[in-house]
Amino acid sequence: QVQLVESGGGLVQPGESLRLSCVASGFNFNGYILNWYRQTPGKERELVASITGTGHANHKDSVKGRFTISRDNAKSTAYLQMNSLKPEDTAIYYCNIVRLGVNYWGQGTQVTVSS
């Protein structure tokens, strides 16, 4: 079965960095777009970044120049490098794929940016 497991979240101060990881299993990782979403209480989940199997990436405007999505197909792992973090980046971050019309999500990892 499809499994996505995120890690790497934590509590950091503004301006610091974190790298999130998403380890995938149960499907052909290379063949799917991998998405990173985030969600804060009371708000809808929002798309932060996406990357195709061949490495073409897109990022939400508010994180361009600070966040970088990447993937290692040999390790079935995707990453989200987050630099120059701001308090408004505080959220639970989820990785996601859509397979045969079904959304699959990891359990999420909490990122808190606070002084």
Protein backbone atom coordinates (compact mmCIF):
# COMPACT_ATOMS: atom_id res chain seq x y z
CA GLN A 1 0.00 0.00 0.00
CA VAL A 2 1.02 3.60 -0.55
CA GLN A 3 2.87 5.09 2.39
CA LEU A 4 4.32 8.56 2.81
CA VAL A 5 6.31 9.37 5.95
CA GLU A 6 7.43 12.92 6.67
CA SER A 7 10.16 13.97 9.08
CA GLY A 8 12.40 16.91 9.82
CA GLY A 9 10.04 19.40 11.39
CA GLY A 10 10.78 21.28 14.57
CA LEU A 11 10.94 24.58 16.40
CA VAL A 12 13.26 27.18 14.92
CA GLN A 13 13.81 30.91 15.17
CA PRO A 14 13.01 33.30 12.31
CA GLY A 15 15.73 33.26 9.67
CA GLU A 16 16.80 29.69 10.40
CA SER A 17 16.50 26.64 8.16
CA LEU A 18 14.94 23.19 8.17
CA ARG A 19 14.94 20.32 5.70
CA LEU A 20 11.88 18.14 5.54
CA SER A 21 11.99 14.62 4.14
CA CYS A 22 9.23 12.43 2.74
CA VAL A 23 10.00 8.74 2.35
CA ALA A 24 7.63 6.93 -0.01
CA SER A 25 6.81 3.27 -0.50
CA GLY A 26 4.20 1.05 -2.13
CA PHE A 27 4.20 2.62 -5.58
CA ASN A 28 6.50 3.55 -8.46
CA PHE A 29 7.92 6.73 -6.95
CA ASN A 30 9.59 7.88 -10.18
CA GLY A 31 6.31 8.06 -12.02
CA TYR A 32 4.45 10.52 -9.83
CA ILE A 33 4.44 14.21 -9.08
CA LEU A 34 5.26 14.74 -5.43
CA ASN A 35 3.65 17.67 -3.64
CA TRP A 36 4.35 19.42 -0.34
CA TYR A 37 1.33 21.06 1.33
CA ARG A 38 0.96 22.89 4.61
CA GLN A 39 -1.94 23.62 6.90
CA THR A 40 -2.59 25.88 9.86
CA PRO A 41 -5.59 25.63 12.23
CA GLY A 42 -8.78 26.92 10.68
CA LYS A 43 -7.34 27.19 7.19
CA GLU A 44 -7.41 24.97 4.14
CA ARG A 45 -4.37 22.95 3.21
CA GLU A 46 -2.29 24.92 0.70
CA LEU A 47 0.12 23.71 -1.94
CA VAL A 48 3.69 24.84 -1.24
CA ALA A 49 5.72 23.10 -3.94
CA SER A 50 5.55 20.30 -6.51
CA ILE A 51 8.12 18.28 -8.40
CA THR A 52 7.71 15.92 -11.33
CA GLY A 53 9.44 12.57 -11.62
CA THR A 54 12.06 14.15 -13.86
CA GLY A 55 12.75 17.00 -11.44
CA HIS A 56 10.74 19.89 -12.82
CA ALA A 57 9.74 21.95 -9.81
CA ASN A 58 7.23 24.66 -8.99
CA HIS A 59 6.97 26.69 -5.81
CA LYS A 60 4.27 28.87 -4.27
CA ASP A 61 5.07 32.54 -4.81
CA SER A 62 5.43 33.31 -1.11
CA VAL A 63 8.20 30.72 -0.70
CA LYS A 64 10.10 31.27 -3.96
CA GLY A 65 13.74 31.99 -3.27
CA ARG A 66 13.48 30.52 0.25
CA PHE A 67 12.17 26.97 -0.21
CA THR A 68 13.47 24.34 -2.62
CA ILE A 69 11.77 21.06 -3.40
CA SER A 70 13.89 18.16 -4.61
CA ARG A 71 13.75 14.39 -4.89
CA ASP A 72 16.03 11.38 -4.96
CA ASN A 73 14.27 8.71 -6.99
CA ALA A 74 16.83 6.07 -6.05
CA LYS A 75 15.85 6.56 -2.39
CA SER A 76 12.13 7.15 -3.06
CA THR A 77 12.50 10.30 -1.02
CA ALA A 78 11.50 13.91 -1.54
CA TYR A 79 12.80 16.91 0.32
CA LEU A 80 11.76 20.45 1.12
CA GLN A 81 14.68 22.68 2.02
CA MET A 82 13.33 25.70 3.86
CA ASN A 83 15.61 28.67 4.41
CA SER A 84 15.00 32.11 5.89
CA LEU A 85 11.98 30.79 7.74
CA LYS A 86 9.32 33.26 8.86
CA PRO A 87 6.67 32.97 11.58
CA GLU A 88 4.02 32.75 8.87
CA ASP A 89 5.63 29.50 7.67
CA THR A 90 4.45 27.86 10.89
CA ALA A 91 2.21 24.94 9.92
CA ILE A 92 1.94 21.20 9.65
CA TYR A 93 3.65 20.14 6.44
CA TYR A 94 2.39 17.15 4.46
CA CYS A 95 3.68 15.33 1.41
CA ASN A 96 1.17 14.11 -1.12
CA ILE A 97 0.71 12.17 -4.32
CA VAL A 98 -2.36 11.58 -6.44
CA ARG A 99 -2.57 8.02 -7.74
CA LEU A 100 -5.48 6.77 -9.82
CA GLY A 101 -7.50 9.77 -8.71
CA VAL A 102 -6.90 9.16 -5.00
CA ASN A 103 -5.01 11.58 -2.77
CA TYR A 104 -2.46 10.00 -0.45
CA TRP A 105 -1.05 11.91 2.50
CA GLY A 106 1.59 11.40 5.10
CA GLN A 107 0.95 12.00 8.78
CA GLY A 108 2.51 15.46 8.62
CA THR A 109 5.39 17.12 10.41
CA GLN A 110 5.05 20.26 12.53
CA VAL A 111 7.14 23.30 11.69
CA THR A 112 7.08 26.14 14.20
CA VAL A 113 8.94 29.39 13.57
CA SER A 114 9.06 31.56 16.66
CA SER A 115 11.47 33.73 18.59
